[in-house]
Amino acid sequence: MKKIFLFLLFILAGIICFAQTGLLKQEIEHILEGKNATVGVAIMDLNTGDTLTVNNDSHVYPTMSVYKFYLALAVLDQVDKGKLALDQPIAITPSDLLPNTHSPLRDEHPAGGFSLSVAELLSYTVLQSDNNGCDILFRLLGGPEKVDQYIRKTGIRGISIRTTEAQMHESFEQQYTNTTTPWAAVQTLDLVFQKHQLLSDRSREFLWKMMAETSTGKDKLKGLLPAGAVVAHKTGSSFRSETGLNAAENDIGILVLPSGKRIAVAVLVADSMEPYETNAKMIAEVAKSVWDFFEKK
């Protein structure tokens, strides 16, 4: 009888958990309702493994600068293998500093002709989402295909890395060549920061610090969260077509609740005709719903 009672309690707990998660999904779908955009969401409670997805498989989601997270993993993997070093100097030439692209690195050193360490290039690329820093790191690894090969070896499916930032700026359509599903993004966050796979402790802590201090997208995942909320994340933004179509507005990351719970969240907004403010607000409202749900759970 005792075994039967415990079994029934287990089943009941599962039903209650499923019902609660269903309410969160309904709330998220309500946030996205009526928007002229396709939005994919994936959520994972890193403590329990509970998951939820919305529109994960219904669309191709351009990564935009979110792929700098995957690039950083590939670079740090080479550091862990001794093929690169964080303090290794990399020469920066004037031709590396392309104009008409987001680049604090170029703005601070417009003439070129200097060196930065691998760690500094990663910081510009991840923390400030520097496009020139990104492409310098791509060249250091041997091109985007090397990052794609690295990701495939992890066993994660749903990620494709094909072009550099410079190539993405050649045409609106090129922005669709690098893609990720929300679920693949969340799986990768889980592998690195919860399961402690793929990277050494030192590299993982270095990446976490950069993502927790990132300066972009303050109105996205962090936008509606309490002041001082810890969010380790990577954002992505596209430019618009002549008709006003926005290829993508993204943010992926880990929310650290006051209780210590860590929730991985990916919100990818694709093919949007909404203004930037609406796209960012959708991401912020999803994050706030997730925060509130798991804080009360």
C-alpha atoms as a PDB file:
ATOM      1  CA  MET A   1       0.000   0.000   0.000  1.00  0.00           C
ATOM      2  CA  LYS A   2       2.818   2.377   0.871  1.00  0.00           C
ATOM      3  CA  LYS A   3       4.443   1.851  -2.540  1.00  0.00           C
ATOM      4  CA  ILE A   4       1.131   2.461  -4.290  1.00  0.00           C
ATOM      5  CA  PHE A   5       0.585   5.630  -2.244  1.00  0.00           C
ATOM      6  CA  LEU A   6       4.060   6.963  -3.112  1.00  0.00           C
ATOM      7  CA  PHE A   7       3.527   6.114  -6.753  1.00  0.00           C
ATOM      8  CA  LEU A   8       0.225   8.017  -6.797  1.00  0.00           C
ATOM      9  CA  LEU A   9       1.895  10.997  -5.114  1.00  0.00           C
ATOM     10  CA  PHE A  10       4.577  10.952  -7.803  1.00  0.00           C
ATOM     11  CA  ILE A  11       1.964  10.898 -10.563  1.00  0.00           C
ATOM     12  CA  LEU A  12      -0.010  13.703  -8.891  1.00  0.00           C
ATOM     13  CA  ALA A  13       3.110  15.867  -8.564  1.00  0.00           C
ATOM     14  CA  GLY A  14       3.814  15.345 -12.256  1.00  0.00           C
ATOM     15  CA  ILE A  15       0.268  16.356 -13.206  1.00  0.00           C
ATOM     16  CA  ILE A  16       0.467  19.519 -11.077  1.00  0.00           C
ATOM     17  CA  CYS A  17       3.869  20.440 -12.541  1.00  0.00           C
ATOM     18  CA  PHE A  18       2.579  19.890 -16.090  1.00  0.00           C
ATOM     19  CA  ALA A  19      -0.484  22.049 -15.378  1.00  0.00           C
ATOM     20  CA  GLN A  20       1.664  24.854 -13.949  1.00  0.00           C
ATOM     21  CA  THR A  21       4.014  24.765 -16.925  1.00  0.00           C
ATOM     22  CA  GLY A  22       0.981  24.875 -19.203  1.00  0.00           C
ATOM     23  CA  LEU A  23      -0.115  28.109 -17.544  1.00  0.00           C
ATOM     24  CA  LEU A  24       3.314  29.653 -18.167  1.00  0.00           C
ATOM     25  CA  LYS A  25       3.151  28.586 -21.803  1.00  0.00           C
ATOM     26  CA  GLN A  26      -0.292  30.194 -22.140  1.00  0.00           C
ATOM     27  CA  GLU A  27       1.050  33.423 -20.636  1.00  0.00           C
ATOM     28  CA  ILE A  28       3.949  33.466 -23.088  1.00  0.00           C
ATOM     29  CA  GLU A  29       1.659  32.765 -26.043  1.00  0.00           C
ATOM     30  CA  HIS A  30      -0.532  35.661 -24.894  1.00  0.00           C
ATOM     31  CA  ILE A  31       2.518  37.981 -24.919  1.00  0.00           C
ATOM     32  CA  LEU A  32       3.282  36.966 -28.513  1.00  0.00           C
ATOM     33  CA  GLU A  33      -0.322  37.057 -29.700  1.00  0.00           C
ATOM     34  CA  GLY A  34      -1.163  39.510 -32.466  1.00  0.00           C
ATOM     35  CA  LYS A  35       2.441  40.472 -33.205  1.00  0.00           C
ATOM     36  CA  ASN A  36       3.574  40.680 -36.822  1.00  0.00           C
ATOM     37  CA  ALA A  37       6.572  38.441 -36.144  1.00  0.00           C
ATOM     38  CA  THR A  38       7.502  34.812 -35.562  1.00  0.00           C
ATOM     39  CA  VAL A  39       8.846  34.268 -32.055  1.00  0.00           C
ATOM     40  CA  GLY A  40      10.484  31.116 -30.733  1.00  0.00           C
ATOM     41  CA  VAL A  41      10.983  30.499 -27.028  1.00  0.00           C
ATOM     42  CA  ALA A  42      12.768  27.788 -25.052  1.00  0.00           C
ATOM     43  CA  ILE A  43      13.064  27.566 -21.277  1.00  0.00           C
ATOM     44  CA  MET A  44      14.874  25.108 -19.005  1.00  0.00           C
ATOM     45  CA  ASP A  45      15.002  24.965 -15.239  1.00  0.00           C
ATOM     46  CA  LEU A  46      18.670  24.044 -14.908  1.00  0.00           C
ATOM     47  CA  ASN A  47      18.110  22.631 -11.424  1.00  0.00           C
ATOM     48  CA  THR A  48      15.356  20.146 -12.363  1.00  0.00           C
ATOM     49  CA  GLY A  49      15.671  19.845 -16.143  1.00  0.00           C
ATOM     50  CA  ASP A  50      12.017  20.883 -16.649  1.00  0.00           C
ATOM     51  CA  THR A  51      11.562  22.404 -20.099  1.00  0.00           C
ATOM     52  CA  LEU A  52       9.090  24.376 -22.186  1.00  0.00           C
ATOM     53  CA  THR A  53       9.177  25.482 -25.826  1.00  0.00           C
ATOM     54  CA  VAL A  54       7.016  27.692 -28.030  1.00  0.00           C
ATOM     55  CA  ASN A  55       7.391  27.716 -31.834  1.00  0.00           C
ATOM     56  CA  ASN A  56      10.726  25.936 -31.592  1.00  0.00           C
ATOM     57  CA  ASP A  57      10.445  23.999 -34.858  1.00  0.00           C
ATOM     58  CA  SER A  58       8.144  26.245 -36.866  1.00  0.00           C
ATOM     59  CA  HIS A  59      10.715  28.634 -38.296  1.00  0.00           C
ATOM     60  CA  VAL A  60      14.347  29.250 -39.202  1.00  0.00           C
ATOM     61  CA  TYR A  61      15.718  31.667 -36.630  1.00  0.00           C
ATOM     62  CA  PRO A  62      18.722  33.787 -37.678  1.00  0.00           C
ATOM     63  CA  THR A  63      21.274  33.932 -34.874  1.00  0.00           C
ATOM     64  CA  MET A  64      22.616  37.405 -35.544  1.00  0.00           C
ATOM     65  CA  SER A  65      25.171  38.146 -32.800  1.00  0.00           C
ATOM     66  CA  VAL A  66      23.926  35.274 -30.640  1.00  0.00           C
ATOM     67  CA  TYR A  67      26.365  33.187 -32.673  1.00  0.00           C
ATOM     68  CA  LYS A  68      29.205  35.003 -30.922  1.00  0.00           C
ATOM     69  CA  PHE A  69      28.360  32.792 -27.926  1.00  0.00           C
ATOM     70  CA  TYR A  70      29.017  29.709 -30.072  1.00  0.00           C
ATOM     71  CA  LEU A  71      32.178  31.346 -31.460  1.00  0.00           C
ATOM     72  CA  ALA A  72      33.428  32.016 -27.924  1.00  0.00           C
ATOM     73  CA  LEU A  73      32.914  28.342 -27.041  1.00  0.00           C
ATOM     74  CA  ALA A  74      35.011  27.264 -30.032  1.00  0.00           C
ATOM     75  CA  VAL A  75      37.795  29.741 -29.181  1.00  0.00           C
ATOM     76  CA  LEU A  76      37.870  28.706 -25.518  1.00  0.00           C
ATOM     77  CA  ASP A  77      37.911  25.048 -26.557  1.00  0.00           C
ATOM     78  CA  GLN A  78      41.146  25.780 -28.417  1.00  0.00           C
ATOM     79  CA  VAL A  79      42.474  27.546 -25.323  1.00  0.00           C
ATOM     80  CA  ASP A  80      41.646  24.500 -23.195  1.00  0.00           C
ATOM     81  CA  LYS A  81      43.458  22.267 -25.693  1.00  0.00           C
ATOM     82  CA  GLY A  82      46.578  24.469 -25.548  1.00  0.00           C
ATOM     83  CA  LYS A  83      46.310  25.559 -29.196  1.00  0.00           C
ATOM     84  CA  LEU A  84      45.566  29.140 -28.194  1.00  0.00           C
ATOM     85  CA  ALA A  85      46.265  31.130 -25.027  1.00  0.00           C
ATOM     86  CA  LEU A  86      44.142  33.862 -23.467  1.00  0.00           C
ATOM     87  CA  ASP A  87      47.204  36.119 -23.193  1.00  0.00           C
ATOM     88  CA  GLN A  88      48.329  35.387 -26.767  1.00  0.00           C
ATOM     89  CA  PRO A  89      48.752  38.675 -28.689  1.00  0.00           C
ATOM     90  CA  ILE A  90      46.872  39.067 -31.989  1.00  0.00           C
ATOM     91  CA  ALA A  91      47.939  41.787 -34.431  1.00  0.00           C
ATOM     92  CA  ILE A  92      45.111  44.115 -35.514  1.00  0.00           C
ATOM     93  CA  THR A  93      45.643  45.749 -38.907  1.00  0.00           C
ATOM     94  CA  PRO A  94      43.718  48.686 -40.409  1.00  0.00           C
ATOM     95  CA  SER A  95      42.030  46.244 -42.832  1.00  0.00           C
ATOM     96  CA  ASP A  96      40.607  44.345 -39.852  1.00  0.00           C
ATOM     97  CA  LEU A  97      38.629  47.396 -38.730  1.00  0.00           C
ATOM     98  CA  LEU A  98      35.798  47.568 -41.230  1.00  0.00           C
ATOM     99  CA  PRO A  99      33.591  50.685 -41.278  1.00  0.00           C
ATOM    100  CA  ASN A 100      29.779  50.711 -41.223  1.00  0.00           C
ATOM    101  CA  THR A 101      29.501  47.939 -38.670  1.00  0.00           C
ATOM    102  CA  HIS A 102      29.091  47.870 -34.887  1.00  0.00           C
ATOM    103  CA  SER A 103      32.637  47.997 -33.519  1.00  0.00           C
ATOM    104  CA  PRO A 104      33.677  49.708 -30.264  1.00  0.00           C
ATOM    105  CA  LEU A 105      37.117  48.224 -30.997  1.00  0.00           C
ATOM    106  CA  ARG A 106      37.408  50.268 -34.214  1.00  0.00           C
ATOM    107  CA  ASP A 107      35.964  53.366 -32.551  1.00  0.00           C
ATOM    108  CA  GLU A 108      38.621  53.224 -29.826  1.00  0.00           C
ATOM    109  CA  HIS A 109      41.538  52.382 -32.173  1.00  0.00           C
ATOM    110  CA  PRO A 110      40.572  53.694 -35.651  1.00  0.00           C
ATOM    111  CA  ALA A 111      44.092  53.614 -37.094  1.00  0.00           C
ATOM    112  CA  GLY A 112      44.798  49.939 -36.365  1.00  0.00           C
ATOM    113  CA  GLY A 113      48.396  48.768 -36.115  1.00  0.00           C
ATOM    114  CA  PHE A 114      48.235  47.380 -32.569  1.00  0.00           C
ATOM    115  CA  SER A 115      47.792  44.061 -30.770  1.00  0.00           C
ATOM    116  CA  LEU A 116      45.176  42.644 -28.427  1.00  0.00           C
ATOM    117  CA  SER A 117      45.187  39.414 -26.482  1.00  0.00           C
ATOM    118  CA  VAL A 118      42.740  36.622 -27.262  1.00  0.00           C
ATOM    119  CA  ALA A 119      41.034  37.420 -23.942  1.00  0.00           C
ATOM    120  CA  GLU A 120      40.602  41.076 -24.937  1.00  0.00           C
ATOM    121  CA  LEU A 121      39.214  40.143 -28.355  1.00  0.00           C
ATOM    122  CA  LEU A 122      36.735  37.786 -26.691  1.00  0.00           C
ATOM    123  CA  SER A 123      35.689  40.545 -24.333  1.00  0.00           C
ATOM    124  CA  TYR A 124      35.018  42.974 -27.182  1.00  0.00           C
ATOM    125  CA  THR A 125      33.177  40.256 -29.111  1.00  0.00           C
ATOM    126  CA  VAL A 126      30.986  38.846 -26.331  1.00  0.00           C
ATOM    127  CA  LEU A 127      30.642  41.681 -23.837  1.00  0.00           C
ATOM    128  CA  GLN A 128      30.267  44.487 -26.403  1.00  0.00           C
ATOM    129  CA  SER A 129      29.163  42.382 -29.404  1.00  0.00           C
ATOM    130  CA  ASP A 130      31.932  43.817 -31.569  1.00  0.00           C
ATOM    131  CA  ASN A 131      31.572  42.697 -35.197  1.00  0.00           C
ATOM    132  CA  ASN A 132      35.188  43.301 -36.192  1.00  0.00           C
ATOM    133  CA  GLY A 133      36.425  41.430 -33.129  1.00  0.00           C
ATOM    134  CA  CYS A 134      34.117  38.577 -34.112  1.00  0.00           C
ATOM    135  CA  ASP A 135      35.579  38.272 -37.595  1.00  0.00           C
ATOM    136  CA  ILE A 136      39.161  38.477 -36.320  1.00  0.00           C
ATOM    137  CA  LEU A 137      38.402  35.502 -34.067  1.00  0.00           C
ATOM    138  CA  PHE A 138      36.769  33.649 -36.962  1.00  0.00           C
ATOM    139  CA  ARG A 139      39.960  34.088 -38.982  1.00  0.00           C
ATOM    140  CA  LEU A 140      42.045  32.950 -36.015  1.00  0.00           C
ATOM    141  CA  LEU A 141      40.079  29.673 -35.939  1.00  0.00           C
ATOM    142  CA  GLY A 142      40.060  29.168 -39.714  1.00  0.00           C
ATOM    143  CA  GLY A 143      36.590  30.481 -40.576  1.00  0.00           C
ATOM    144  CA  PRO A 144      32.941  30.014 -39.554  1.00  0.00           C
ATOM    145  CA  GLU A 145      33.008  26.418 -40.784  1.00  0.00           C
ATOM    146  CA  LYS A 146      35.418  25.553 -37.953  1.00  0.00           C
ATOM    147  CA  VAL A 147      32.918  26.844 -35.399  1.00  0.00           C
ATOM    148  CA  ASP A 148      30.155  24.894 -37.145  1.00  0.00           C
ATOM    149  CA  GLN A 149      32.249  21.726 -36.983  1.00  0.00           C
ATOM    150  CA  TYR A 150      32.942  22.286 -33.289  1.00  0.00           C
ATOM    151  CA  ILE A 151      29.249  22.721 -32.475  1.00  0.00           C
ATOM    152  CA  ARG A 152      28.327  19.578 -34.429  1.00  0.00           C
ATOM    153  CA  LYS A 153      30.872  17.575 -32.454  1.00  0.00           C
ATOM    154  CA  THR A 154      29.089  18.538 -29.232  1.00  0.00           C
ATOM    155  CA  GLY A 155      26.069  16.557 -30.414  1.00  0.00           C
ATOM    156  CA  ILE A 156      23.733  19.559 -30.298  1.00  0.00           C
ATOM    157  CA  ARG A 157      21.467  19.811 -33.325  1.00  0.00           C
ATOM    158  CA  GLY A 158      19.697  22.864 -34.712  1.00  0.00           C
ATOM    159  CA  ILE A 159      22.673  25.235 -35.048  1.00  0.00           C
ATOM    160  CA  SER A 160      24.315  26.279 -38.320  1.00  0.00           C
ATOM    161  CA  ILE A 161      27.274  28.691 -38.585  1.00  0.00           C
ATOM    162  CA  ARG A 162      28.128  29.669 -42.145  1.00  0.00           C
ATOM    163  CA  THR A 163      29.164  33.312 -42.579  1.00  0.00           C
ATOM    164  CA  THR A 164      31.151  36.095 -40.933  1.00  0.00           C
ATOM    165  CA  GLU A 165      29.767  39.441 -39.803  1.00  0.00           C
ATOM    166  CA  ALA A 166      31.265  41.086 -42.897  1.00  0.00           C
ATOM    167  CA  GLN A 167      29.471  38.590 -45.141  1.00  0.00           C
ATOM    168  CA  MET A 168      26.188  39.092 -43.288  1.00  0.00           C
ATOM    169  CA  HIS A 169      26.431  42.800 -44.037  1.00  0.00           C
ATOM    170  CA  GLU A 170      26.690  42.194 -47.787  1.00  0.00           C
ATOM    171  CA  SER A 171      22.927  41.730 -48.213  1.00  0.00           C
ATOM    172  CA  PHE A 172      19.759  41.399 -46.161  1.00  0.00           C
ATOM    173  CA  GLU A 173      19.384  37.738 -47.167  1.00  0.00           C
ATOM    174  CA  GLN A 174      22.846  36.851 -45.838  1.00  0.00           C
ATOM    175  CA  GLN A 175      21.538  37.402 -42.316  1.00  0.00           C
ATOM    176  CA  TYR A 176      19.629  34.113 -42.656  1.00  0.00           C
ATOM    177  CA  THR A 177      22.733  31.973 -43.210  1.00  0.00           C
ATOM    178  CA  ASN A 178      23.547  31.551 -39.490  1.00  0.00           C
ATOM    179  CA  THR A 179      20.706  29.908 -37.597  1.00  0.00           C
ATOM    180  CA  THR A 180      19.792  28.394 -34.248  1.00  0.00           C
ATOM    181  CA  THR A 181      16.651  26.998 -32.690  1.00  0.00           C
ATOM    182  CA  PRO A 182      15.676  28.289 -29.249  1.00  0.00           C
ATOM    183  CA  TRP A 183      15.982  24.754 -27.880  1.00  0.00           C
ATOM    184  CA  ALA A 184      19.520  24.322 -29.236  1.00  0.00           C
ATOM    185  CA  ALA A 185      20.556  27.578 -27.562  1.00  0.00           C
ATOM    186  CA  VAL A 186      19.122  26.467 -24.207  1.00  0.00           C
ATOM    187  CA  GLN A 187      20.725  23.018 -24.525  1.00  0.00           C
ATOM    188  CA  THR A 188      24.112  24.640 -25.083  1.00  0.00           C
ATOM    189  CA  LEU A 189      23.704  26.932 -22.073  1.00  0.00           C
ATOM    190  CA  ASP A 190      22.810  23.883 -19.983  1.00  0.00           C
ATOM    191  CA  LEU A 191      25.801  21.850 -21.175  1.00  0.00           C
ATOM    192  CA  VAL A 192      28.264  24.644 -20.458  1.00  0.00           C
ATOM    193  CA  PHE A 193      26.986  26.272 -17.287  1.00  0.00           C
ATOM    194  CA  GLN A 194      25.008  23.531 -15.522  1.00  0.00           C
ATOM    195  CA  LYS A 195      26.446  20.216 -16.635  1.00  0.00           C
ATOM    196  CA  HIS A 196      29.962  21.713 -16.756  1.00  0.00           C
ATOM    197  CA  GLN A 197      30.797  20.107 -20.080  1.00  0.00           C
ATOM    198  CA  LEU A 198      32.635  21.441 -23.171  1.00  0.00           C
ATOM    199  CA  LEU A 199      34.884  23.901 -21.269  1.00  0.00           C
ATOM    200  CA  SER A 200      37.351  23.855 -18.401  1.00  0.00           C
ATOM    201  CA  ASP A 201      36.360  25.542 -15.139  1.00  0.00           C
ATOM    202  CA  ARG A 202      38.614  28.494 -15.934  1.00  0.00           C
ATOM    203  CA  SER A 203      37.197  29.023 -19.405  1.00  0.00           C
ATOM    204  CA  ARG A 204      33.616  28.588 -18.215  1.00  0.00           C
ATOM    205  CA  GLU A 205      34.074  31.171 -15.458  1.00  0.00           C
ATOM    206  CA  PHE A 206      35.686  33.576 -17.932  1.00  0.00           C
ATOM    207  CA  LEU A 207      32.761  33.218 -20.352  1.00  0.00           C
ATOM    208  CA  TRP A 208      30.172  33.555 -17.578  1.00  0.00           C
ATOM    209  CA  LYS A 209      31.759  36.798 -16.375  1.00  0.00           C
ATOM    210  CA  MET A 210      31.647  38.289 -19.876  1.00  0.00           C
ATOM    211  CA  MET A 211      28.036  37.283 -20.430  1.00  0.00           C
ATOM    212  CA  ALA A 212      26.972  38.545 -16.991  1.00  0.00           C
ATOM    213  CA  GLU A 213      28.611  41.914 -17.710  1.00  0.00           C
ATOM    214  CA  THR A 214      27.462  42.242 -21.324  1.00  0.00           C
ATOM    215  CA  SER A 215      26.603  45.824 -22.217  1.00  0.00           C
ATOM    216  CA  THR A 216      24.105  45.186 -25.026  1.00  0.00           C
ATOM    217  CA  GLY A 217      20.372  44.470 -24.829  1.00  0.00           C
ATOM    218  CA  LYS A 218      19.572  46.027 -21.466  1.00  0.00           C
ATOM    219  CA  ASP A 219      15.930  46.276 -22.619  1.00  0.00           C
ATOM    220  CA  LYS A 220      15.683  42.598 -23.616  1.00  0.00           C
ATOM    221  CA  LEU A 221      15.956  39.707 -21.115  1.00  0.00           C
ATOM    222  CA  LYS A 222      16.959  42.126 -18.345  1.00  0.00           C
ATOM    223  CA  GLY A 223      14.494  44.827 -19.347  1.00  0.00           C
ATOM    224  CA  LEU A 224      11.715  44.175 -16.808  1.00  0.00           C
ATOM    225  CA  LEU A 225      13.620  42.244 -14.155  1.00  0.00           C
ATOM    226  CA  PRO A 226      14.388  43.655 -10.696  1.00  0.00           C
ATOM    227  CA  ALA A 227      17.327  46.039 -10.458  1.00  0.00           C
ATOM    228  CA  GLY A 228      20.542  44.117  -9.955  1.00  0.00           C
ATOM    229  CA  ALA A 229      19.152  40.873 -11.374  1.00  0.00           C
ATOM    230  CA  VAL A 230      21.946  38.580 -12.548  1.00  0.00           C
ATOM    231  CA  VAL A 231      21.544  37.583 -16.187  1.00  0.00           C
ATOM    232  CA  ALA A 232      24.382  36.012 -18.191  1.00  0.00           C
ATOM    233  CA  HIS A 233      23.271  36.507 -21.786  1.00  0.00           C
ATOM    234  CA  LYS A 234      24.136  37.153 -25.425  1.00  0.00           C
ATOM    235  CA  THR A 235      22.015  39.359 -27.637  1.00  0.00           C
ATOM    236  CA  GLY A 236      21.581  39.653 -31.386  1.00  0.00           C
ATOM    237  CA  SER A 237      20.082  42.313 -33.683  1.00  0.00           C
ATOM    238  CA  SER A 238      19.670  42.598 -37.447  1.00  0.00           C
ATOM    239  CA  PHE A 239      19.280  45.480 -39.828  1.00  0.00           C
ATOM    240  CA  ARG A 240      16.023  45.868 -41.754  1.00  0.00           C
ATOM    241  CA  SER A 241      15.128  45.315 -45.395  1.00  0.00           C
ATOM    242  CA  GLU A 242      13.927  48.125 -47.654  1.00  0.00           C
ATOM    243  CA  THR A 243      10.352  47.134 -46.772  1.00  0.00           C
ATOM    244  CA  GLY A 244      11.063  47.413 -43.041  1.00  0.00           C
ATOM    245  CA  LEU A 245      11.364  43.676 -42.324  1.00  0.00           C
ATOM    246  CA  ASN A 246      13.564  42.932 -39.319  1.00  0.00           C
ATOM    247  CA  ALA A 247      15.339  39.599 -39.795  1.00  0.00           C
ATOM    248  CA  ALA A 248      15.889  39.002 -36.074  1.00  0.00           C
ATOM    249  CA  GLU A 249      15.943  40.449 -32.570  1.00  0.00           C
ATOM    250  CA  ASN A 250      17.311  37.923 -30.074  1.00  0.00           C
ATOM    251  CA  ASP A 251      18.505  37.282 -26.558  1.00  0.00           C
ATOM    252  CA  ILE A 252      19.604  34.026 -24.915  1.00  0.00           C
ATOM    253  CA  GLY A 253      20.909  33.569 -21.407  1.00  0.00           C
ATOM    254  CA  ILE A 254      20.579  32.353 -17.848  1.00  0.00           C
ATOM    255  CA  LEU A 255      18.460  34.130 -15.245  1.00  0.00           C
ATOM    256  CA  VAL A 256      19.734  33.733 -11.681  1.00  0.00           C
ATOM    257  CA  LEU A 257      16.814  34.061  -9.260  1.00  0.00           C
ATOM    258  CA  PRO A 258      17.212  35.349  -5.659  1.00  0.00           C
ATOM    259  CA  SER A 259      16.688  31.752  -4.478  1.00  0.00           C
ATOM    260  CA  GLY A 260      19.718  30.659  -6.493  1.00  0.00           C
ATOM    261  CA  LYS A 261      17.633  28.856  -9.134  1.00  0.00           C
ATOM    262  CA  ARG A 262      19.083  29.216 -12.614  1.00  0.00           C
ATOM    263  CA  ILE A 263      16.737  29.293 -15.593  1.00  0.00           C
ATOM    264  CA  ALA A 264      18.022  29.163 -19.179  1.00  0.00           C
ATOM    265  CA  VAL A 265      15.917  31.210 -21.583  1.00  0.00           C
ATOM    266  CA  ALA A 266      16.100  31.804 -25.337  1.00  0.00           C
ATOM    267  CA  VAL A 267      13.757  34.243 -27.068  1.00  0.00           C
ATOM    268  CA  LEU A 268      14.270  34.607 -30.817  1.00  0.00           C
ATOM    269  CA  VAL A 269      12.170  37.129 -32.765  1.00  0.00           C
ATOM    270  CA  ALA A 270      12.298  36.551 -36.527  1.00  0.00           C
ATOM    271  CA  ASP A 271      10.814  38.246 -39.601  1.00  0.00           C
ATOM    272  CA  SER A 272       9.271  41.061 -37.620  1.00  0.00           C
ATOM    273  CA  MET A 273       7.482  44.089 -38.998  1.00  0.00           C
ATOM    274  CA  GLU A 274       7.116  45.429 -35.477  1.00  0.00           C
ATOM    275  CA  PRO A 275       9.244  48.367 -34.274  1.00  0.00           C
ATOM    276  CA  TYR A 276      12.378  47.624 -32.271  1.00  0.00           C
ATOM    277  CA  GLU A 277      10.688  48.649 -29.029  1.00  0.00           C
ATOM    278  CA  THR A 278       7.928  46.051 -29.515  1.00  0.00           C
ATOM    279  CA  ASN A 279      10.413  43.287 -30.313  1.00  0.00           C
ATOM    280  CA  ALA A 280      12.549  44.084 -27.269  1.00  0.00           C
ATOM    281  CA  LYS A 281       9.465  44.343 -25.046  1.00  0.00           C
ATOM    282  CA  MET A 282       8.299  40.867 -26.098  1.00  0.00           C
ATOM    283  CA  ILE A 283      11.654  39.440 -25.029  1.00  0.00           C
ATOM    284  CA  ALA A 284      11.540  41.371 -21.749  1.00  0.00           C
ATOM    285  CA  GLU A 285       7.959  40.295 -20.978  1.00  0.00           C
ATOM    286  CA  VAL A 286       8.757  36.632 -21.608  1.00  0.00           C
ATOM    287  CA  ALA A 287      11.744  36.879 -19.244  1.00  0.00           C
ATOM    288  CA  LYS A 288       9.625  38.592 -16.581  1.00  0.00           C
ATOM    289  CA  SER A 289       6.952  35.873 -16.848  1.00  0.00           C
ATOM    290  CA  VAL A 290       9.632  33.196 -16.489  1.00  0.00           C
ATOM    291  CA  TRP A 291      11.210  35.014 -13.533  1.00  0.00           C
ATOM    292  CA  ASP A 292       7.890  35.381 -11.699  1.00  0.00           C
ATOM    293  CA  PHE A 293       6.803  31.792 -12.422  1.00  0.00           C
ATOM    294  CA  PHE A 294       9.945  30.130 -11.132  1.00  0.00           C
ATOM    295  CA  GLU A 295      10.360  32.509  -8.183  1.00  0.00           C
ATOM    296  CA  LYS A 296       6.916  31.437  -6.911  1.00  0.00           C
ATOM    297  CA  LYS A 297       7.321  27.763  -7.800  1.00  0.00           C
END
